[in-house]
N, C-alpha and C. Protein backbone atom coordinates (compact mmCIF):
# COMPACT_ATOMS: atom_id res chain seq x y z
N MET A 1 -22.33 -79.33 -69.71
CA MET A 1 -23.64 -79.83 -69.03
C MET A 1 -24.85 -79.67 -69.71
N ASP A 2 -25.44 -80.61 -69.89
CA ASP A 2 -26.92 -80.88 -70.52
C ASP A 2 -27.95 -80.62 -69.82
N PHE A 3 -29.11 -80.01 -69.78
CA PHE A 3 -30.09 -79.85 -69.02
C PHE A 3 -31.46 -80.96 -69.21
N ARG A 4 -32.04 -81.08 -68.34
CA ARG A 4 -33.13 -82.46 -68.40
C ARG A 4 -34.38 -81.68 -68.39
N ILE A 5 -35.31 -82.53 -69.13
CA ILE A 5 -36.61 -81.93 -68.88
C ILE A 5 -37.14 -81.91 -67.45
N GLY A 6 -37.98 -80.71 -67.10
CA GLY A 6 -38.32 -80.84 -65.80
C GLY A 6 -37.60 -80.10 -65.06
N GLN A 7 -36.32 -79.71 -65.40
CA GLN A 7 -35.31 -79.00 -64.87
C GLN A 7 -35.51 -77.53 -64.88
N LYS A 8 -35.35 -76.90 -63.53
CA LYS A 8 -35.41 -75.59 -63.65
C LYS A 8 -34.16 -74.69 -63.65
N VAL A 9 -34.08 -73.71 -64.81
CA VAL A 9 -32.86 -72.98 -64.97
C VAL A 9 -33.06 -71.51 -64.65
N SER A 10 -31.85 -70.81 -64.67
CA SER A 10 -32.14 -69.46 -64.58
C SER A 10 -31.40 -68.94 -66.10
N TYR A 11 -32.41 -68.00 -66.71
CA TYR A 11 -31.85 -67.33 -68.09
C TYR A 11 -31.65 -65.82 -67.85
N PRO A 12 -30.56 -65.45 -68.16
CA PRO A 12 -30.48 -63.84 -67.87
C PRO A 12 -31.53 -63.18 -68.45
N ASN A 13 -31.89 -62.11 -67.61
CA ASN A 13 -33.11 -61.06 -68.17
C ASN A 13 -34.68 -61.57 -68.13
N HIS A 14 -34.59 -63.09 -68.02
CA HIS A 14 -35.96 -63.59 -68.24
C HIS A 14 -36.31 -64.24 -66.92
N GLY A 15 -35.37 -64.41 -65.81
CA GLY A 15 -35.52 -65.11 -64.46
C GLY A 15 -35.61 -66.73 -64.81
N VAL A 16 -36.57 -67.42 -63.79
CA VAL A 16 -36.34 -68.74 -63.85
C VAL A 16 -37.34 -69.55 -64.70
N CYS A 17 -36.72 -70.61 -65.44
CA CYS A 17 -37.57 -71.04 -66.60
C CYS A 17 -37.51 -72.57 -66.40
N ALA A 18 -38.46 -73.21 -66.67
CA ALA A 18 -38.68 -74.76 -66.89
C ALA A 18 -38.35 -75.45 -68.12
N ILE A 19 -37.75 -76.09 -68.32
CA ILE A 19 -37.40 -77.11 -69.37
C ILE A 19 -38.58 -77.76 -69.65
N GLU A 20 -39.43 -77.54 -70.35
CA GLU A 20 -40.39 -78.34 -71.03
C GLU A 20 -40.03 -79.58 -71.90
N LYS A 21 -39.23 -79.32 -72.79
CA LYS A 21 -38.70 -80.23 -74.09
C LYS A 21 -37.45 -79.88 -74.45
N ILE A 22 -37.07 -81.19 -75.25
CA ILE A 22 -35.61 -81.20 -75.88
C ILE A 22 -36.31 -81.40 -77.19
N GLU A 23 -36.09 -80.58 -78.45
CA GLU A 23 -36.71 -81.23 -79.49
C GLU A 23 -35.75 -80.62 -80.86
N ASN A 24 -35.86 -81.61 -81.93
CA ASN A 24 -35.27 -81.15 -82.90
C ASN A 24 -35.85 -80.27 -83.88
N LYS A 25 -35.34 -79.27 -84.58
CA LYS A 25 -35.91 -78.17 -85.54
C LYS A 25 -35.02 -78.35 -86.82
N HIS A 26 -35.55 -77.99 -87.99
CA HIS A 26 -34.93 -77.41 -89.09
C HIS A 26 -34.87 -76.09 -88.95
N VAL A 27 -33.53 -75.83 -89.11
CA VAL A 27 -33.25 -74.31 -89.48
C VAL A 27 -32.17 -74.10 -90.57
N SER A 28 -32.55 -73.31 -91.40
CA SER A 28 -31.96 -73.28 -92.91
C SER A 28 -31.24 -74.29 -93.40
N GLY A 29 -32.21 -75.45 -93.32
CA GLY A 29 -31.73 -76.72 -94.02
C GLY A 29 -31.00 -77.62 -93.05
N ASN A 30 -30.80 -77.08 -91.57
CA ASN A 30 -29.95 -78.17 -90.57
C ASN A 30 -30.57 -78.72 -89.54
N LEU A 31 -30.53 -79.56 -89.05
CA LEU A 31 -31.33 -80.23 -87.74
C LEU A 31 -30.46 -79.76 -86.70
N MET A 32 -31.16 -79.00 -85.60
CA MET A 32 -30.81 -78.50 -84.49
C MET A 32 -31.45 -78.97 -83.57
N GLU A 33 -30.83 -79.21 -82.18
CA GLU A 33 -31.47 -79.45 -80.95
C GLU A 33 -31.90 -78.57 -80.13
N PHE A 34 -33.07 -78.11 -79.74
CA PHE A 34 -33.51 -77.03 -78.93
C PHE A 34 -34.22 -77.50 -77.60
N TYR A 35 -33.89 -76.52 -76.81
CA TYR A 35 -34.47 -76.59 -75.46
C TYR A 35 -35.67 -75.74 -75.51
N THR A 36 -36.81 -76.06 -75.00
CA THR A 36 -38.44 -75.25 -75.27
C THR A 36 -38.18 -75.04 -73.67
N LEU A 37 -38.03 -73.51 -73.44
CA LEU A 37 -38.02 -73.27 -71.86
C LEU A 37 -39.39 -72.21 -71.55
N ARG A 38 -40.18 -72.81 -70.68
CA ARG A 38 -41.22 -72.05 -70.19
C ARG A 38 -40.90 -70.87 -68.91
N VAL A 39 -40.90 -69.78 -69.20
CA VAL A 39 -40.61 -68.83 -68.31
C VAL A 39 -41.67 -68.63 -67.18
N LEU A 40 -41.49 -69.12 -66.04
CA LEU A 40 -42.39 -68.99 -64.87
C LEU A 40 -43.18 -67.65 -64.45
N ALA A 41 -42.17 -66.47 -64.80
CA ALA A 41 -42.81 -65.49 -64.40
C ALA A 41 -44.17 -64.78 -65.28
N ASN A 42 -44.12 -65.09 -66.65
CA ASN A 42 -45.00 -64.70 -67.44
C ASN A 42 -45.58 -65.94 -68.48
N ASN A 43 -44.97 -67.15 -68.22
CA ASN A 43 -45.81 -68.11 -69.03
C ASN A 43 -45.46 -68.21 -70.43
N SER A 44 -44.44 -67.48 -70.84
CA SER A 44 -44.08 -67.44 -72.21
C SER A 44 -43.08 -68.62 -72.65
N VAL A 45 -42.81 -68.98 -73.70
CA VAL A 45 -42.22 -69.89 -74.09
C VAL A 45 -40.90 -69.24 -75.04
N ILE A 46 -39.84 -69.91 -74.94
CA ILE A 46 -38.39 -69.30 -75.42
C ILE A 46 -37.88 -70.70 -75.83
N PHE A 47 -37.30 -70.75 -77.29
CA PHE A 47 -36.64 -71.91 -77.89
C PHE A 47 -35.34 -71.33 -77.94
N VAL A 48 -34.32 -72.21 -77.51
CA VAL A 48 -32.76 -72.02 -77.29
C VAL A 48 -32.08 -73.01 -77.86
N PRO A 49 -31.45 -72.71 -78.93
CA PRO A 49 -30.30 -73.92 -79.34
C PRO A 49 -29.56 -74.50 -78.34
N LYS A 50 -29.60 -75.97 -78.31
CA LYS A 50 -28.89 -76.55 -77.29
C LYS A 50 -27.35 -76.29 -77.38
N THR A 51 -26.85 -75.76 -78.30
CA THR A 51 -25.40 -75.64 -78.36
C THR A 51 -25.02 -74.09 -77.93
N ASN A 52 -26.17 -73.29 -77.91
CA ASN A 52 -25.74 -71.95 -77.28
C ASN A 52 -26.16 -71.95 -75.95
N ALA A 53 -26.77 -72.77 -75.42
CA ALA A 53 -27.44 -72.57 -73.98
C ALA A 53 -26.62 -72.01 -72.82
N ARG A 54 -25.32 -72.39 -72.87
CA ARG A 54 -24.25 -71.99 -72.00
C ARG A 54 -23.67 -70.48 -72.18
N SER A 55 -23.62 -70.48 -73.30
CA SER A 55 -22.95 -69.33 -73.76
C SER A 55 -23.53 -67.99 -73.64
N ILE A 56 -24.96 -68.25 -73.62
CA ILE A 56 -25.79 -67.01 -73.13
C ILE A 56 -26.37 -67.07 -71.95
N GLY A 57 -25.62 -68.03 -71.05
CA GLY A 57 -25.90 -67.78 -69.61
C GLY A 57 -26.93 -68.55 -68.85
N ILE A 58 -27.39 -69.55 -69.85
CA ILE A 58 -28.35 -70.43 -68.98
C ILE A 58 -27.77 -71.43 -68.14
N ARG A 59 -28.20 -71.32 -66.70
CA ARG A 59 -27.63 -72.11 -65.74
C ARG A 59 -28.63 -72.72 -65.20
N PRO A 60 -28.12 -73.82 -64.00
CA PRO A 60 -29.13 -74.39 -63.24
C PRO A 60 -29.42 -73.60 -62.14
N VAL A 61 -30.79 -73.41 -61.70
CA VAL A 61 -31.19 -72.58 -60.39
C VAL A 61 -30.01 -72.99 -59.40
N ILE A 62 -29.88 -71.90 -58.29
CA ILE A 62 -28.92 -72.22 -57.36
C ILE A 62 -29.65 -73.36 -56.33
N ASN A 63 -28.71 -73.64 -55.72
CA ASN A 63 -29.26 -74.98 -54.75
C ASN A 63 -29.65 -74.40 -53.29
N SER A 64 -29.87 -75.12 -52.20
CA SER A 64 -30.16 -74.48 -50.98
C SER A 64 -28.98 -73.92 -50.21
N VAL A 65 -27.69 -74.77 -50.56
CA VAL A 65 -26.69 -74.08 -49.79
C VAL A 65 -26.21 -72.46 -50.69
N GLN A 66 -26.49 -72.68 -51.87
CA GLN A 66 -26.39 -71.39 -52.65
C GLN A 66 -27.12 -70.37 -52.35
N CYS A 67 -28.20 -70.80 -51.83
CA CYS A 67 -29.55 -69.71 -51.67
C CYS A 67 -29.12 -69.22 -50.24
N ALA A 68 -28.47 -70.13 -49.27
CA ALA A 68 -27.98 -69.21 -47.86
C ALA A 68 -26.76 -68.47 -48.10
N GLN A 69 -26.22 -68.64 -49.21
CA GLN A 69 -24.98 -68.00 -49.54
C GLN A 69 -25.48 -66.79 -49.87
N VAL A 70 -26.24 -66.70 -50.67
CA VAL A 70 -27.06 -65.39 -51.54
C VAL A 70 -27.70 -64.56 -50.57
N ILE A 71 -28.34 -65.16 -49.53
CA ILE A 71 -29.06 -64.47 -48.21
C ILE A 71 -28.23 -63.63 -47.62
N ASN A 72 -27.00 -64.54 -47.20
CA ASN A 72 -26.04 -63.73 -46.46
C ASN A 72 -25.24 -62.62 -47.19
N PHE A 73 -24.76 -62.78 -48.53
CA PHE A 73 -24.31 -61.91 -49.47
C PHE A 73 -25.13 -60.59 -49.73
N LEU A 74 -26.53 -60.69 -49.55
CA LEU A 74 -27.49 -59.50 -49.91
C LEU A 74 -27.21 -58.52 -48.49
N LYS A 75 -26.89 -59.05 -47.36
CA LYS A 75 -26.93 -58.01 -45.91
C LYS A 75 -25.38 -57.57 -45.99
N GLU A 76 -24.44 -57.74 -46.84
CA GLU A 76 -23.25 -57.63 -46.57
C GLU A 76 -23.10 -56.33 -47.17
N ASP A 77 -21.83 -55.81 -46.54
CA ASP A 77 -21.27 -54.38 -47.15
C ASP A 77 -21.11 -54.69 -48.64
N PHE A 78 -20.68 -53.63 -49.62
CA PHE A 78 -20.46 -53.55 -50.69
C PHE A 78 -19.43 -52.60 -51.17
N ALA A 79 -18.82 -52.74 -52.48
CA ALA A 79 -18.01 -51.74 -52.90
C ALA A 79 -18.70 -50.46 -53.04
N GLY A 80 -17.84 -49.27 -53.16
CA GLY A 80 -18.45 -48.07 -53.63
C GLY A 80 -19.04 -47.95 -54.98
N VAL A 81 -20.18 -47.31 -54.73
CA VAL A 81 -20.84 -47.19 -56.01
C VAL A 81 -20.40 -46.13 -57.11
N PRO A 82 -19.94 -46.49 -58.37
CA PRO A 82 -19.29 -45.65 -59.11
C PRO A 82 -20.45 -44.14 -59.30
N SER A 83 -19.59 -43.05 -59.65
CA SER A 83 -20.12 -42.02 -59.34
C SER A 83 -20.81 -41.59 -60.65
N ASP A 84 -20.25 -41.96 -61.65
CA ASP A 84 -20.65 -41.81 -63.30
C ASP A 84 -21.93 -42.63 -63.85
N TRP A 85 -22.87 -41.99 -63.93
CA TRP A 85 -23.95 -43.00 -64.24
C TRP A 85 -23.86 -43.93 -65.52
N LYS A 86 -23.20 -43.46 -66.45
CA LYS A 86 -22.88 -44.01 -67.66
C LYS A 86 -21.99 -45.10 -67.58
N ILE A 87 -21.14 -45.07 -66.50
CA ILE A 87 -20.31 -46.29 -66.14
C ILE A 87 -21.13 -47.29 -65.24
N ARG A 88 -21.90 -46.85 -64.47
CA ARG A 88 -22.80 -47.72 -63.63
C ARG A 88 -23.66 -48.62 -64.56
N VAL A 89 -24.37 -47.71 -65.40
CA VAL A 89 -25.55 -48.64 -66.30
C VAL A 89 -24.69 -49.54 -67.11
N ARG A 90 -23.56 -49.29 -67.69
CA ARG A 90 -22.90 -50.24 -68.58
C ARG A 90 -22.14 -51.36 -67.52
N ASP A 91 -21.71 -51.15 -66.40
CA ASP A 91 -21.20 -52.34 -65.51
C ASP A 91 -22.26 -53.04 -64.98
N PHE A 92 -23.32 -52.28 -64.67
CA PHE A 92 -24.69 -53.13 -64.32
C PHE A 92 -25.45 -54.14 -65.09
N SER A 93 -25.44 -53.54 -66.45
CA SER A 93 -26.03 -54.15 -67.44
C SER A 93 -25.41 -55.37 -67.77
N SER A 94 -23.94 -55.24 -67.76
CA SER A 94 -22.97 -56.37 -67.71
C SER A 94 -23.25 -57.63 -66.92
N LYS A 95 -23.44 -56.92 -65.60
CA LYS A 95 -23.53 -57.99 -64.45
C LYS A 95 -24.68 -58.86 -64.65
N ILE A 96 -25.87 -57.84 -64.75
CA ILE A 96 -27.31 -58.84 -64.98
C ILE A 96 -27.11 -59.52 -66.01
N GLN A 97 -26.60 -59.60 -67.23
CA GLN A 97 -26.60 -60.25 -68.41
C GLN A 97 -25.63 -61.34 -68.22
N SER A 98 -24.69 -61.33 -67.41
CA SER A 98 -23.85 -62.67 -66.89
C SER A 98 -24.86 -63.42 -66.26
N GLY A 99 -25.90 -63.37 -65.72
CA GLY A 99 -26.72 -64.24 -65.08
C GLY A 99 -26.35 -64.76 -63.92
N ASP A 100 -25.03 -64.21 -63.44
CA ASP A 100 -24.25 -64.86 -61.90
C ASP A 100 -25.36 -64.00 -60.91
N VAL A 101 -25.73 -64.87 -60.13
CA VAL A 101 -26.68 -64.45 -58.81
C VAL A 101 -25.97 -63.53 -57.88
N PHE A 102 -24.43 -63.70 -57.78
CA PHE A 102 -23.90 -62.80 -56.98
C PHE A 102 -23.55 -61.43 -57.57
N ASP A 103 -23.47 -61.34 -58.69
CA ASP A 103 -23.25 -60.31 -59.72
C ASP A 103 -24.57 -59.55 -59.40
N ILE A 104 -25.62 -60.04 -59.75
CA ILE A 104 -27.11 -59.53 -59.78
C ILE A 104 -27.47 -58.77 -58.44
N GLY A 105 -26.83 -59.60 -57.48
CA GLY A 105 -27.06 -59.29 -55.80
C GLY A 105 -26.40 -57.90 -55.69
N ASP A 106 -25.34 -57.84 -56.25
CA ASP A 106 -24.44 -56.62 -56.04
C ASP A 106 -24.74 -55.56 -56.57
N VAL A 107 -25.39 -55.66 -57.98
CA VAL A 107 -26.27 -54.68 -58.60
C VAL A 107 -27.40 -54.32 -57.82
N LEU A 108 -28.14 -55.30 -57.13
CA LEU A 108 -29.36 -54.68 -56.40
C LEU A 108 -29.06 -54.07 -55.07
N LYS A 109 -27.85 -54.39 -54.57
CA LYS A 109 -27.60 -53.64 -53.25
C LYS A 109 -27.09 -52.05 -53.60
N GLN A 110 -26.13 -52.04 -54.58
CA GLN A 110 -25.58 -50.83 -55.16
C GLN A 110 -26.97 -49.75 -55.46
N LEU A 111 -27.74 -50.20 -56.44
CA LEU A 111 -28.66 -49.23 -56.84
C LEU A 111 -29.83 -49.18 -55.66
N THR A 112 -29.67 -49.99 -54.97
CA THR A 112 -30.88 -49.76 -53.65
C THR A 112 -30.22 -48.65 -52.78
N PHE A 113 -29.03 -48.83 -52.54
CA PHE A 113 -27.97 -47.78 -51.81
C PHE A 113 -28.38 -46.24 -52.63
N LEU A 114 -28.27 -46.04 -53.84
CA LEU A 114 -28.22 -45.31 -54.54
C LEU A 114 -29.77 -44.35 -54.23
N THR A 115 -30.89 -45.27 -54.28
CA THR A 115 -32.05 -45.08 -53.88
C THR A 115 -32.32 -43.96 -52.82
N TYR A 116 -31.48 -44.12 -51.79
CA TYR A 116 -31.56 -43.37 -50.62
C TYR A 116 -31.07 -42.06 -50.63
N SER A 117 -30.13 -41.95 -51.56
CA SER A 117 -29.62 -40.33 -51.78
C SER A 117 -29.98 -39.66 -52.94
N LYS A 118 -30.96 -40.29 -53.85
CA LYS A 118 -31.29 -39.83 -55.11
C LYS A 118 -32.25 -40.46 -55.75
N GLN A 119 -32.89 -39.94 -56.78
CA GLN A 119 -33.73 -40.55 -57.65
C GLN A 119 -33.07 -41.06 -58.96
N LEU A 120 -33.27 -42.40 -59.04
CA LEU A 120 -32.46 -42.99 -60.23
C LEU A 120 -32.85 -42.53 -61.52
N SER A 121 -32.23 -42.66 -62.31
CA SER A 121 -32.37 -42.49 -63.92
C SER A 121 -33.50 -43.54 -64.34
N PHE A 122 -34.24 -43.44 -65.45
CA PHE A 122 -34.57 -44.28 -66.13
C PHE A 122 -34.18 -45.63 -66.24
N ARG A 123 -33.01 -45.67 -66.76
CA ARG A 123 -32.15 -47.01 -67.06
C ARG A 123 -32.12 -47.52 -65.73
N GLU A 124 -31.75 -46.64 -64.89
CA GLU A 124 -31.02 -47.64 -63.50
C GLU A 124 -32.42 -48.08 -62.46
N GLN A 125 -33.52 -47.26 -62.87
CA GLN A 125 -34.60 -47.84 -62.10
C GLN A 125 -35.01 -49.20 -62.80
N ARG A 126 -34.83 -49.12 -64.04
CA ARG A 126 -35.33 -50.44 -64.98
C ARG A 126 -34.14 -51.41 -64.54
N LEU A 127 -32.79 -51.33 -64.21
CA LEU A 127 -32.02 -52.42 -63.92
C LEU A 127 -32.09 -52.66 -62.23
N LEU A 128 -32.57 -51.67 -61.57
CA LEU A 128 -33.03 -52.17 -60.23
C LEU A 128 -33.99 -52.93 -60.12
N GLU A 129 -35.35 -52.92 -61.00
CA GLU A 129 -36.33 -53.53 -61.04
C GLU A 129 -35.98 -54.88 -61.46
N LYS A 130 -35.11 -55.12 -62.48
CA LYS A 130 -34.92 -56.50 -63.46
C LYS A 130 -33.88 -56.81 -61.96
N ALA A 131 -33.02 -56.63 -61.38
CA ALA A 131 -32.11 -57.20 -60.51
C ALA A 131 -32.99 -57.75 -59.41
N LYS A 132 -34.05 -57.11 -58.95
CA LYS A 132 -34.57 -57.57 -57.92
C LYS A 132 -35.59 -58.69 -58.47
N PHE A 133 -36.38 -58.39 -59.47
CA PHE A 133 -37.11 -59.54 -60.03
C PHE A 133 -36.30 -60.86 -60.10
N LEU A 134 -35.00 -60.69 -60.69
CA LEU A 134 -34.37 -61.98 -60.88
C LEU A 134 -33.82 -62.72 -59.51
N ILE A 135 -33.38 -61.87 -58.73
CA ILE A 135 -33.01 -62.37 -57.20
C ILE A 135 -34.09 -62.89 -56.46
N VAL A 136 -35.27 -62.13 -56.35
CA VAL A 136 -36.58 -62.53 -55.72
C VAL A 136 -37.11 -63.74 -56.15
N SER A 137 -37.11 -63.88 -57.65
CA SER A 137 -38.19 -65.20 -58.54
C SER A 137 -37.24 -66.36 -58.08
N GLU A 138 -35.64 -66.45 -58.22
CA GLU A 138 -34.88 -67.47 -57.87
C GLU A 138 -34.88 -67.90 -56.67
N LEU A 139 -34.66 -66.95 -55.56
CA LEU A 139 -34.85 -67.38 -54.14
C LEU A 139 -36.49 -67.84 -53.99
N ALA A 140 -37.42 -67.54 -54.43
CA ALA A 140 -38.73 -68.18 -54.23
C ALA A 140 -38.78 -69.35 -54.63
N VAL A 141 -38.17 -69.78 -56.04
CA VAL A 141 -38.22 -71.05 -56.34
C VAL A 141 -37.46 -72.05 -55.51
N VAL A 142 -36.36 -71.58 -55.26
CA VAL A 142 -35.38 -72.49 -54.55
C VAL A 142 -36.05 -72.70 -53.19
N CYS A 143 -36.44 -71.82 -52.36
CA CYS A 143 -36.83 -71.88 -51.00
C CYS A 143 -38.23 -72.18 -50.61
N SER A 144 -38.99 -72.41 -52.05
CA SER A 144 -40.34 -72.82 -52.13
C SER A 144 -41.42 -71.84 -51.32
N GLN A 145 -41.01 -70.67 -51.53
CA GLN A 145 -41.94 -69.73 -50.77
C GLN A 145 -42.40 -68.78 -51.80
N PRO A 146 -43.43 -67.91 -51.31
CA PRO A 146 -43.97 -66.96 -52.13
C PRO A 146 -43.11 -65.88 -52.49
N GLU A 147 -43.15 -65.31 -53.73
CA GLU A 147 -42.20 -64.06 -54.27
C GLU A 147 -42.60 -63.12 -53.22
N CYS A 148 -43.83 -62.72 -52.54
CA CYS A 148 -43.97 -61.63 -51.90
C CYS A 148 -43.26 -61.78 -50.53
N ASP A 149 -42.98 -62.98 -49.72
CA ASP A 149 -42.57 -63.15 -48.60
C ASP A 149 -41.09 -62.96 -48.84
N ILE A 150 -40.49 -63.49 -50.00
CA ILE A 150 -39.28 -63.56 -50.40
C ILE A 150 -38.57 -61.91 -50.56
N GLU A 151 -39.57 -61.21 -51.11
CA GLU A 151 -39.24 -59.87 -51.51
C GLU A 151 -39.26 -58.94 -50.18
N LYS A 152 -40.16 -59.32 -49.10
CA LYS A 152 -39.93 -58.49 -47.67
C LYS A 152 -38.56 -58.92 -47.21
N LYS A 153 -38.29 -60.04 -47.16
CA LYS A 153 -36.91 -60.41 -46.52
C LYS A 153 -35.80 -59.94 -47.31
N VAL A 154 -35.92 -60.02 -48.65
CA VAL A 154 -34.81 -59.14 -49.18
C VAL A 154 -34.86 -57.90 -49.12
N ASP A 155 -35.74 -57.20 -48.98
CA ASP A 155 -35.80 -55.66 -48.56
C ASP A 155 -35.13 -55.39 -47.32
N LEU A 156 -35.49 -56.38 -46.31
CA LEU A 156 -34.78 -56.29 -45.26
C LEU A 156 -33.21 -56.40 -45.28
N LEU A 157 -32.74 -57.31 -46.04
CA LEU A 157 -31.43 -57.49 -46.30
C LEU A 157 -31.02 -56.21 -46.95
N LEU A 158 -31.49 -56.09 -47.80
CA LEU A 158 -30.74 -54.75 -48.61
C LEU A 158 -30.64 -53.61 -47.84
N ALA A 159 -31.61 -53.38 -46.80
CA ALA A 159 -31.68 -52.08 -45.56
C ALA A 159 -30.37 -52.46 -44.62
N GLU A 160 -30.35 -53.77 -44.51
CA GLU A 160 -29.20 -54.06 -43.71
C GLU A 160 -27.70 -53.66 -44.21
N ALA A 161 -27.59 -54.10 -45.41
CA ALA A 161 -26.61 -53.95 -46.42
C ALA A 161 -26.06 -52.41 -46.53
N CYS A 162 -26.96 -51.69 -46.79
CA CYS A 162 -26.92 -50.41 -46.77
C CYS A 162 -26.81 -49.80 -45.43
N GLN A 163 -27.12 -49.86 -44.32
CA GLN A 163 -26.76 -49.73 -42.97
C GLN A 163 -25.16 -49.93 -42.86
N ASN A 164 -24.91 -51.11 -43.24
CA ASN A 164 -23.27 -51.59 -43.16
C ASN A 164 -22.47 -51.04 -44.07
N HIS A 165 -22.88 -50.39 -45.48
CA HIS A 165 -22.06 -49.47 -46.27
C HIS A 165 -21.93 -48.17 -45.61
N LEU A 166 -22.88 -47.50 -45.00
CA LEU A 166 -22.99 -46.49 -44.32
C LEU A 166 -22.02 -46.37 -43.12
N ALA A 167 -22.11 -47.53 -42.23
CA ALA A 167 -21.19 -47.51 -41.21
C ALA A 167 -19.73 -47.73 -41.53
N GLU A 168 -19.62 -48.51 -42.36
CA GLU A 168 -18.35 -49.10 -42.87
C GLU A 168 -17.68 -47.52 -43.45
N GLY A 169 -18.63 -46.64 -44.35
CA GLY A 169 -17.93 -45.41 -44.58
C GLY A 169 -17.65 -44.43 -43.71
N ILE A 170 -18.44 -44.25 -42.65
CA ILE A 170 -18.14 -43.71 -41.37
C ILE A 170 -16.82 -44.13 -40.48
N GLN A 171 -16.66 -45.23 -40.88
CA GLN A 171 -15.42 -45.74 -39.93
C GLN A 171 -14.14 -45.28 -40.60
N THR A 172 -14.41 -45.50 -42.04
CA THR A 172 -13.35 -45.24 -42.96
C THR A 172 -12.79 -43.67 -42.61
N VAL A 173 -13.81 -42.74 -42.91
CA VAL A 173 -13.60 -41.38 -42.60
C VAL A 173 -13.14 -41.25 -41.06
N SER A 174 -13.61 -41.96 -40.31
CA SER A 174 -13.04 -41.46 -38.68
C SER A 174 -11.70 -41.81 -38.61
N ALA A 175 -11.32 -43.11 -39.39
CA ALA A 175 -9.77 -43.54 -39.13
C ALA A 175 -8.88 -42.57 -40.11
N VAL A 176 -9.31 -42.01 -40.98
CA VAL A 176 -8.35 -41.25 -41.92
C VAL A 176 -8.42 -39.84 -40.95
N ASN A 177 -9.15 -39.30 -40.32
CA ASN A 177 -9.16 -38.13 -39.64
C ASN A 177 -8.33 -38.39 -38.27
N HIS A 178 -8.05 -39.58 -37.75
CA HIS A 178 -7.41 -39.76 -36.66
C HIS A 178 -5.99 -40.05 -36.71
């Protein structure tokens, strides 16, 4: 799938970008086609070879139907959080790098849950901030709402997910004891 000028895309680890240009550039004597992306969060510019765009995870931003699905997903229960921080960091980094909005949402839910019971390591805190930024910025663009409003909504959804996770854990323990 080719992207078009003016289209908004999600770039893993950078967030929502607008495609400003599609241009040819000479690289090592070869003529290559590049997307010129404007990162909406900080107004920086990134050049991405058109042939590499998909492999590095650039995708169209979610649509309004997917937006509703993400919102529902953010309040749902989630799998148990791995106890080994090294495994968590590796898995969570991989999920964020994938660019998949649901994988990023899962990272956000699990790390948010961990903040209720302990202080996150520096790396985990950075991953939490990155995941939240990526989710909030994409939802804000798709829903045409200010990021501050979306962030408040996401915080409420995450609190609900954490309550659901605790309730599910209590039900599981209760069922085992009976």
